[in-house]
C-alpha atoms as a PDB file:
ATOM      1  CA  MET A   1      15.216 -14.905  -8.720  1.00  0.00           C
ATOM      2  CA  ALA A   2      16.759 -12.680 -11.358  1.00  0.00           C
ATOM      3  CA  MET A   3      17.027  -9.047 -10.413  1.00  0.00           C
ATOM      4  CA  LEU A   4      16.008  -6.278 -12.766  1.00  0.00           C
ATOM      5  CA  PRO A   5      18.995  -4.317 -14.071  1.00  0.00           C
ATOM      6  CA  PRO A   6      19.055  -0.541 -13.636  1.00  0.00           C
ATOM      7  CA  SER A   7      16.991   1.259 -16.246  1.00  0.00           C
ATOM      8  CA  GLN A   8      18.946   2.405 -19.256  1.00  0.00           C
ATOM      9  CA  ASN A   9      18.142   5.904 -20.409  1.00  0.00           C
ATOM     10  CA  PRO A  10      19.290   6.524 -24.004  1.00  0.00           C
ATOM     11  CA  ASN A  11      17.803   9.997 -24.022  1.00  0.00           C
ATOM     12  CA  LEU A  12      20.034  11.392 -21.287  1.00  0.00           C
ATOM     13  CA  HIS A  13      23.807  11.750 -21.761  1.00  0.00           C
ATOM     14  CA  PRO A  14      25.295  13.223 -18.547  1.00  0.00           C
ATOM     15  CA  GLN A  15      28.638  14.084 -20.172  1.00  0.00           C
ATOM     16  CA  ALA A  16      27.264  15.540 -23.404  1.00  0.00           C
ATOM     17  CA  THR A  17      27.628  19.230 -24.107  1.00  0.00           C
ATOM     18  CA  VAL A  18      24.429  20.887 -25.309  1.00  0.00           C
ATOM     19  CA  SER A  19      24.833  24.098 -27.255  1.00  0.00           C
ATOM     20  CA  PRO A  20      22.172  26.229 -28.940  1.00  0.00           C
ATOM     21  CA  SER A  21      22.204  26.661 -32.681  1.00  0.00           C
ATOM     22  CA  PRO A  22      24.376  29.591 -33.830  1.00  0.00           C
ATOM     23  CA  SER A  23      21.297  31.196 -35.361  1.00  0.00           C
ATOM     24  CA  VAL A  24      19.372  31.108 -32.082  1.00  0.00           C
ATOM     25  CA  ALA A  25      20.293  33.647 -29.413  1.00  0.00           C
ATOM     26  CA  LYS A  26      20.655  32.475 -25.819  1.00  0.00           C
ATOM     27  CA  THR A  27      17.827  33.440 -23.533  1.00  0.00           C
ATOM     28  CA  PRO A  28      18.748  35.440 -20.424  1.00  0.00           C
ATOM     29  CA  GLU A  29      16.715  33.116 -18.188  1.00  0.00           C
ATOM     30  CA  SER A  30      18.843  30.005 -18.580  1.00  0.00           C
ATOM     31  CA  SER A  31      21.973  28.380 -19.914  1.00  0.00           C
ATOM     32  CA  PHE A  32      23.267  24.840 -20.434  1.00  0.00           C
ATOM     33  CA  ASN A  33      26.124  23.441 -18.403  1.00  0.00           C
ATOM     34  CA  ILE A  34      28.577  20.734 -19.437  1.00  0.00           C
ATOM     35  CA  ASN A  35      26.378  17.991 -18.020  1.00  0.00           C
ATOM     36  CA  GLY A  36      23.569  18.835 -20.402  1.00  0.00           C
ATOM     37  CA  ILE A  37      21.261  19.981 -17.591  1.00  0.00           C
ATOM     38  CA  LEU A  38      19.684  23.398 -17.717  1.00  0.00           C
ATOM     39  CA  THR A  39      21.076  25.577 -14.933  1.00  0.00           C
ATOM     40  CA  PRO A  40      18.308  27.649 -13.302  1.00  0.00           C
ATOM     41  CA  GLN A  41      18.915  31.137 -11.965  1.00  0.00           C
ATOM     42  CA  THR A  42      17.585  30.095  -8.561  1.00  0.00           C
ATOM     43  CA  SER A  43      18.403  26.998  -6.594  1.00  0.00           C
ATOM     44  CA  GLY A  44      16.442  24.764  -4.257  1.00  0.00           C
ATOM     45  CA  GLU A  45      17.119  24.415  -0.564  1.00  0.00           C
ATOM     46  CA  THR A  46      18.763  21.001  -0.952  1.00  0.00           C
ATOM     47  CA  GLN A  47      20.773  19.130  -3.557  1.00  0.00           C
ATOM     48  CA  LEU A  48      17.731  17.101  -4.562  1.00  0.00           C
ATOM     49  CA  ASP A  49      15.561  20.230  -4.758  1.00  0.00           C
ATOM     50  CA  HIS A  50      18.183  21.772  -7.023  1.00  0.00           C
ATOM     51  CA  LEU A  51      18.201  18.701  -9.271  1.00  0.00           C
ATOM     52  CA  LEU A  52      14.413  18.679  -9.551  1.00  0.00           C
ATOM     53  CA  LEU A  53      14.367  22.419 -10.196  1.00  0.00           C
ATOM     54  CA  SER A  54      16.925  21.940 -12.955  1.00  0.00           C
ATOM     55  CA  ILE A  55      14.808  19.256 -14.606  1.00  0.00           C
ATOM     56  CA  ASN A  56      11.654  21.355 -14.292  1.00  0.00           C
ATOM     57  CA  SER A  57      13.496  24.268 -15.907  1.00  0.00           C
ATOM     58  CA  LEU A  58      14.152  22.285 -19.072  1.00  0.00           C
ATOM     59  CA  PRO A  59      12.104  23.068 -22.197  1.00  0.00           C
ATOM     60  CA  LEU A  60       8.738  21.305 -22.256  1.00  0.00           C
ATOM     61  CA  TRP A  61       9.675  19.110 -25.187  1.00  0.00           C
ATOM     62  CA  ILE A  62      12.755  17.849 -23.312  1.00  0.00           C
ATOM     63  CA  ARG A  63      10.712  17.159 -20.177  1.00  0.00           C
ATOM     64  CA  GLN A  64       8.281  15.176 -22.309  1.00  0.00           C
ATOM     65  CA  VAL A  65      11.148  12.986 -23.512  1.00  0.00           C
ATOM     66  CA  ILE A  66      12.340  12.442 -19.926  1.00  0.00           C
ATOM     67  CA  TYR A  67       8.812  11.662 -18.736  1.00  0.00           C
ATOM     68  CA  THR A  68       8.080   9.112 -21.456  1.00  0.00           C
ATOM     69  CA  ASP A  69      11.455   7.442 -20.999  1.00  0.00           C
ATOM     70  CA  LEU A  70      11.015   7.129 -17.217  1.00  0.00           C
ATOM     71  CA  ARG A  71       7.424   5.979 -17.633  1.00  0.00           C
ATOM     72  CA  ASP A  72       8.504   3.234 -20.045  1.00  0.00           C
ATOM     73  CA  ALA A  73      11.278   2.169 -17.660  1.00  0.00           C
ATOM     74  CA  LEU A  74       8.906   1.983 -14.683  1.00  0.00           C
ATOM     75  CA  GLU A  75       6.372  -0.005 -16.694  1.00  0.00           C
ATOM     76  CA  LYS A  76       9.067  -2.613 -17.322  1.00  0.00           C
ATOM     77  CA  GLU A  77       9.914  -2.809 -13.615  1.00  0.00           C
ATOM     78  CA  MET A  78       6.459  -2.670 -12.004  1.00  0.00           C
ATOM     79  CA  SER A  79       2.947  -3.741 -12.868  1.00  0.00           C
ATOM     80  CA  ALA A  80       0.457  -1.116 -13.995  1.00  0.00           C
ATOM     81  CA  LYS A  81      -1.521  -1.747 -10.797  1.00  0.00           C
ATOM     82  CA  THR A  82       1.468  -0.899  -8.606  1.00  0.00           C
ATOM     83  CA  ILE A  83       2.382   2.198 -10.623  1.00  0.00           C
ATOM     84  CA  LYS A  84      -1.087   3.589  -9.911  1.00  0.00           C
ATOM     85  CA  THR A  85      -0.443   3.284  -6.167  1.00  0.00           C
ATOM     86  CA  LEU A  86       2.638   5.549  -6.286  1.00  0.00           C
ATOM     87  CA  ASP A  87       1.016   8.592  -4.730  1.00  0.00           C
ATOM     88  CA  LYS A  88       2.806  11.080  -2.488  1.00  0.00           C
ATOM     89  CA  GLN A  89       0.819  10.214   0.628  1.00  0.00           C
ATOM     90  CA  HIS A  90       2.194   6.664   0.676  1.00  0.00           C
ATOM     91  CA  PHE A  91       5.654   7.202  -0.812  1.00  0.00           C
ATOM     92  CA  LEU A  92       8.474   6.622   1.692  1.00  0.00           C
ATOM     93  CA  GLN A  93      10.999   8.852  -0.074  1.00  0.00           C
ATOM     94  CA  LEU A  94       8.635  11.848   0.101  1.00  0.00           C
ATOM     95  CA  TRP A  95       7.623  11.316   3.734  1.00  0.00           C
ATOM     96  CA  ASP A  96       8.403  14.167   6.160  1.00  0.00           C
ATOM     97  CA  PRO A  97       9.191  12.532   9.524  1.00  0.00           C
ATOM     98  CA  ILE A  98       7.758  14.492  12.462  1.00  0.00           C
ATOM     99  CA  LEU A  99       9.559  14.879  15.777  1.00  0.00           C
ATOM    100  CA  ALA A 100       7.892  13.578  18.910  1.00  0.00           C
ATOM    101  CA  THR A 101       8.211  15.504  22.169  1.00  0.00           C
ATOM    102  CA  ARG A 102      11.200  13.404  23.169  1.00  0.00           C
ATOM    103  CA  GLY A 103      12.905  14.212  19.868  1.00  0.00           C
ATOM    104  CA  LYS A 104      12.356  17.943  20.352  1.00  0.00           C
ATOM    105  CA  ASN A 105      13.789  17.727  23.856  1.00  0.00           C
ATOM    106  CA  GLU A 106      16.811  15.837  22.558  1.00  0.00           C
ATOM    107  CA  ILE A 107      17.630  18.670  20.163  1.00  0.00           C
ATOM    108  CA  LEU A 108      17.371  21.229  22.969  1.00  0.00           C
ATOM    109  CA  ASN A 109      19.375  19.120  25.440  1.00  0.00           C
ATOM    110  CA  PRO A 110      21.521  16.564  23.563  1.00  0.00           C
ATOM    111  CA  SER A 111      22.205  13.333  25.435  1.00  0.00           C
ATOM    112  CA  ALA A 112      25.683  11.871  25.600  1.00  0.00           C
ATOM    113  CA  ASN A 113      24.382   8.393  24.749  1.00  0.00           C
ATOM    114  CA  VAL A 114      22.604   9.475  21.549  1.00  0.00           C
ATOM    115  CA  SER A 115      24.683   8.901  18.416  1.00  0.00           C
ATOM    116  CA  LYS A 116      25.743  11.683  16.064  1.00  0.00           C
ATOM    117  CA  ASP A 117      23.699  10.092  13.269  1.00  0.00           C
ATOM    118  CA  VAL A 118      20.524  10.185  15.351  1.00  0.00           C
ATOM    119  CA  GLN A 119      21.140  13.811  16.329  1.00  0.00           C
ATOM    120  CA  GLN A 120      21.648  14.735  12.665  1.00  0.00           C
ATOM    121  CA  LEU A 121      18.461  12.910  11.706  1.00  0.00           C
ATOM    122  CA  LEU A 122      16.469  14.725  14.379  1.00  0.00           C
ATOM    123  CA  LYS A 123      17.792  18.123  13.252  1.00  0.00           C
ATOM    124  CA  PHE A 124      16.902  17.458   9.622  1.00  0.00           C
ATOM    125  CA  CYS A 125      13.430  16.292  10.662  1.00  0.00           C
ATOM    126  CA  LYS A 126      13.037  19.503  12.667  1.00  0.00           C
ATOM    127  CA  ASN A 127      13.822  21.455   9.482  1.00  0.00           C
ATOM    128  CA  GLY A 128      11.041  19.646   7.623  1.00  0.00           C
ATOM    129  CA  LEU A 129      13.144  17.633   5.168  1.00  0.00           C
ATOM    130  CA  ASN A 130      11.718  14.495   3.626  1.00  0.00           C
ATOM    131  CA  VAL A 131      13.466  11.123   3.547  1.00  0.00           C
ATOM    132  CA  ALA A 132      14.956  11.628   0.075  1.00  0.00           C
ATOM    133  CA  ASN A 133      16.451  14.997   1.020  1.00  0.00           C
ATOM    134  CA  ILE A 134      17.813  13.637   4.304  1.00  0.00           C
ATOM    135  CA  CYS A 135      19.623  10.874   2.427  1.00  0.00           C
ATOM    136  CA  THR A 136      21.111  13.127  -0.244  1.00  0.00           C
ATOM    137  CA  GLU A 137      22.130  15.910   2.138  1.00  0.00           C
ATOM    138  CA  LEU A 138      23.832  13.553   4.615  1.00  0.00           C
ATOM    139  CA  HIS A 139      25.150  11.183   1.919  1.00  0.00           C
ATOM    140  CA  TRP A 140      23.345   8.286   3.545  1.00  0.00           C
ATOM    141  CA  THR A 141      21.987   5.220   1.860  1.00  0.00           C
ATOM    142  CA  LEU A 142      18.222   4.830   1.988  1.00  0.00           C
ATOM    143  CA  GLU A 143      18.845   1.642   3.965  1.00  0.00           C
ATOM    144  CA  LYS A 144      20.775   3.507   6.676  1.00  0.00           C
ATOM    145  CA  CYS A 145      18.102   6.187   6.894  1.00  0.00           C
ATOM    146  CA  CYS A 146      15.381   3.554   7.266  1.00  0.00           C
ATOM    147  CA  ILE A 147      17.314   1.748  10.008  1.00  0.00           C
ATOM    148  CA  LEU A 148      17.695   4.991  11.966  1.00  0.00           C
ATOM    149  CA  LEU A 149      14.055   5.954  11.387  1.00  0.00           C
ATOM    150  CA  CYS A 150      12.862   2.581  12.681  1.00  0.00           C
ATOM    151  CA  ASP A 151      15.087   2.901  15.752  1.00  0.00           C
ATOM    152  CA  THR A 152      14.092   6.494  16.543  1.00  0.00           C
ATOM    153  CA  ILE A 153      10.416   5.687  16.130  1.00  0.00           C
ATOM    154  CA  ALA A 154      10.790   2.699  18.460  1.00  0.00           C
ATOM    155  CA  THR A 155      12.514   4.870  21.091  1.00  0.00           C
ATOM    156  CA  GLY A 156       9.940   7.663  20.828  1.00  0.00           C
ATOM    157  CA  TYR A 157      12.035  10.366  19.143  1.00  0.00           C
ATOM    158  CA  ILE A 158      10.003  10.451  15.924  1.00  0.00           C
ATOM    159  CA  GLU A 159       6.270   9.996  15.371  1.00  0.00           C
ATOM    160  CA  PRO A 160       5.242   6.864  13.407  1.00  0.00           C
ATOM    161  CA  SER A 161       3.947   7.368   9.887  1.00  0.00           C
ATOM    162  CA  ILE A 162       0.178   7.141   9.507  1.00  0.00           C
ATOM    163  CA  SER A 163       0.674   5.338   6.185  1.00  0.00           C
ATOM    164  CA  LEU A 164       0.825   1.547   6.354  1.00  0.00           C
ATOM    165  CA  THR A 165       2.703   1.492   3.055  1.00  0.00           C
ATOM    166  CA  ILE A 166       5.376   3.924   4.252  1.00  0.00           C
ATOM    167  CA  ASP A 167       5.791   2.053   7.527  1.00  0.00           C
ATOM    168  CA  ALA A 168       6.017  -1.318   5.776  1.00  0.00           C
ATOM    169  CA  THR A 169       8.532  -0.058   3.204  1.00  0.00           C
ATOM    170  CA  MET A 170      10.667   1.608   5.874  1.00  0.00           C
ATOM    171  CA  ARG A 171      10.765  -1.548   7.982  1.00  0.00           C
ATOM    172  CA  TYR A 172      11.592  -3.737   4.985  1.00  0.00           C
ATOM    173  CA  LEU A 173      14.383  -1.508   3.678  1.00  0.00           C
ATOM    174  CA  GLY A 174      15.606  -1.061   7.257  1.00  0.00           C
ATOM    175  CA  ASN A 175      16.077  -4.846   7.607  1.00  0.00           C
ATOM    176  CA  LYS A 176      13.370  -5.174  10.261  1.00  0.00           C
ATOM    177  CA  THR A 177      11.096  -7.436   8.200  1.00  0.00           C
ATOM    178  CA  ARG A 178      11.369  -9.839   5.273  1.00  0.00           C
ATOM    179  CA  LEU A 179       9.658  -9.791   1.883  1.00  0.00           C
ATOM    180  CA  GLY A 180       6.569 -11.749   2.917  1.00  0.00           C
ATOM    181  CA  GLU A 181       6.005  -9.607   6.003  1.00  0.00           C
ATOM    182  CA  TYR A 182       6.412  -6.457   3.893  1.00  0.00           C
ATOM    183  CA  LEU A 183       3.760  -7.620   1.435  1.00  0.00           C
ATOM    184  CA  VAL A 184       1.327  -8.357   4.267  1.00  0.00           C
ATOM    185  CA  GLN A 185       2.003  -5.122   6.151  1.00  0.00           C
ATOM    186  CA  SER A 186       1.648  -3.033   2.989  1.00  0.00           C
ATOM    187  CA  GLN A 187      -1.633  -4.877   2.254  1.00  0.00           C
ATOM    188  CA  ARG A 188      -0.394  -6.293  -1.037  1.00  0.00           C
ATOM    189  CA  ILE A 189      -1.484  -9.736   0.193  1.00  0.00           C
ATOM    190  CA  THR A 190      -3.499 -11.004   3.142  1.00  0.00           C
ATOM    191  CA  GLU A 191      -2.240 -13.030   6.097  1.00  0.00           C
ATOM    192  CA  GLU A 192      -4.202 -15.977   4.662  1.00  0.00           C
ATOM    193  CA  ASP A 193      -2.320 -15.585   1.382  1.00  0.00           C
ATOM    194  CA  MET A 194       0.960 -15.651   3.258  1.00  0.00           C
ATOM    195  CA  GLU A 195      -0.025 -18.777   5.187  1.00  0.00           C
ATOM    196  CA  GLN A 196      -0.913 -20.492   1.908  1.00  0.00           C
ATOM    197  CA  ALA A 197       2.438 -19.491   0.423  1.00  0.00           C
ATOM    198  CA  LEU A 198       4.360 -20.783   3.455  1.00  0.00           C
ATOM    199  CA  LEU A 199       2.524 -24.132   3.341  1.00  0.00           C
ATOM    200  CA  THR A 200       3.262 -24.403  -0.380  1.00  0.00           C
ATOM    201  CA  GLN A 201       6.921 -23.555   0.240  1.00  0.00           C
ATOM    202  CA  GLN A 202       7.098 -26.243   2.952  1.00  0.00           C
ATOM    203  CA  TYR A 203       5.481 -28.825   0.670  1.00  0.00           C
ATOM    204  CA  ILE A 204       7.918 -28.120  -2.166  1.00  0.00           C
ATOM    205  CA  THR A 205      10.853 -28.402   0.237  1.00  0.00           C
ATOM    206  CA  VAL A 206       9.714 -31.713   1.766  1.00  0.00           C
ATOM    207  CA  ALA A 207       8.184 -33.431  -1.257  1.00  0.00           C
ATOM    208  CA  MET A 208      10.494 -32.220  -3.990  1.00  0.00           C
ATOM    209  CA  GLY A 209      13.643 -31.318  -2.104  1.00  0.00           C
ATOM    210  CA  GLU A 210      13.727 -27.840  -3.598  1.00  0.00           C
ATOM    211  CA  ARG A 211      14.312 -24.618  -1.710  1.00  0.00           C
ATOM    212  CA  THR A 212      12.124 -21.923  -3.270  1.00  0.00           C
ATOM    213  CA  ASN A 213      11.993 -18.345  -2.010  1.00  0.00           C
ATOM    214  CA  ILE A 214       8.696 -16.922  -0.865  1.00  0.00           C
ATOM    215  CA  GLY A 215       8.531 -14.353  -3.660  1.00  0.00           C
ATOM    216  CA  GLU A 216       8.616 -17.041  -6.316  1.00  0.00           C
ATOM    217  CA  ILE A 217       5.926 -19.009  -4.467  1.00  0.00           C
ATOM    218  CA  LEU A 218       3.646 -15.979  -4.320  1.00  0.00           C
ATOM    219  CA  VAL A 219       4.102 -15.435  -8.057  1.00  0.00           C
ATOM    220  CA  ARG A 220       3.354 -19.115  -8.794  1.00  0.00           C
ATOM    221  CA  LEU A 221       0.162 -18.827  -6.756  1.00  0.00           C
ATOM    222  CA  GLU A 222      -0.710 -15.661  -8.725  1.00  0.00           C
ATOM    223  CA  LEU A 223      -0.973 -13.651  -5.526  1.00  0.00           C
ATOM    224  CA  VAL A 224       1.491 -10.997  -6.722  1.00  0.00           C
ATOM    225  CA  GLU A 225       2.909  -9.935 -10.075  1.00  0.00           C
ATOM    226  CA  GLN A 226       6.396 -11.026 -11.101  1.00  0.00           C
ATOM    227  CA  GLU A 227       7.321  -7.402 -11.897  1.00  0.00           C
ATOM    228  CA  ASP A 228       6.318  -6.264  -8.417  1.00  0.00           C
ATOM    229  CA  VAL A 229       8.438  -8.862  -6.634  1.00  0.00           C
ATOM    230  CA  GLU A 230      11.433  -8.008  -8.796  1.00  0.00           C
ATOM    231  CA  ALA A 231      10.839  -4.277  -8.293  1.00  0.00           C
ATOM    232  CA  ILE A 232      10.814  -4.455  -4.490  1.00  0.00           C
ATOM    233  CA  LEU A 233      13.883  -6.721  -4.491  1.00  0.00           C
ATOM    234  CA  PHE A 234      15.674  -4.302  -6.786  1.00  0.00           C
ATOM    235  CA  LEU A 235      14.652  -1.368  -4.582  1.00  0.00           C
ATOM    236  CA  LYS A 236      16.076  -3.293  -1.614  1.00  0.00           C
ATOM    237  CA  GLU A 237      19.367  -3.726  -3.461  1.00  0.00           C
ATOM    238  CA  GLU A 238      19.495  -0.087  -4.586  1.00  0.00           C
ATOM    239  CA  SER A 239      18.693   1.183  -1.088  1.00  0.00           C
ATOM    240  CA  SER A 240      22.174   0.131   0.036  1.00  0.00           C
ATOM    241  CA  LYS A 241      23.833   2.544  -2.411  1.00  0.00           C
ATOM    242  CA  VAL A 242      24.623   6.211  -1.780  1.00  0.00           C
ATOM    243  CA  PHE A 243      23.107   8.676  -4.256  1.00  0.00           C
ATOM    244  CA  ARG A 244      24.952  11.923  -4.869  1.00  0.00           C
ATOM    245  CA  THR A 245      23.674  14.665  -7.126  1.00  0.00           C
ATOM    246  CA  GLN A 246      26.266  16.202  -9.419  1.00  0.00           C
ATOM    247  CA  MET A 247      25.314  19.785 -10.177  1.00  0.00           C
END
């Protein structure tokens, strides 16, 4: 299945220099840096907070351009139905993992057999950082963070998420489940839908000698949208990359 390419954003030029018109005086509240991003007078607690604060400090008409461009890009990568489900309560990247009693005890009395990565994760969870901030502050991939979250939840250091969508996404990006299992666990499809897809996949393999992936089968059966399958596969691919803010 073809993967969606990264969204192209013609409205943002990271290396462009933005200068005010000579006839317009600079305001004391803000200035433009060489990356074309407005530099606020205050900064967030993390790199990602600082980036978001910088974007929110831009003039309204610039933020409108950014919003419409990102909206158009997302509409090309996901179905309208899926876009409507992107609320903060069920969004993995915005989830604040909560320490269990065992995790709190581990911070107070570190164990020799607990890895440095796990200890760092527990400390950042103690400080109330969400998944996105943990990744950017520690320079981790989202995949690595999800693997560690799954492991620390399984060993009782961190409380499980109450969101089925967050749990399903974390397990999928953390290589604990496959695409079909993710779709069932996130309630995109039912177990009966999955059984139908597996039977169809088996029939195509035996009768036609073709090996078809489960995502394509689900799309053929009209159980999921093509855009949604491509979006989650692309997210899976992107989760293995490190994101660094450049401020």
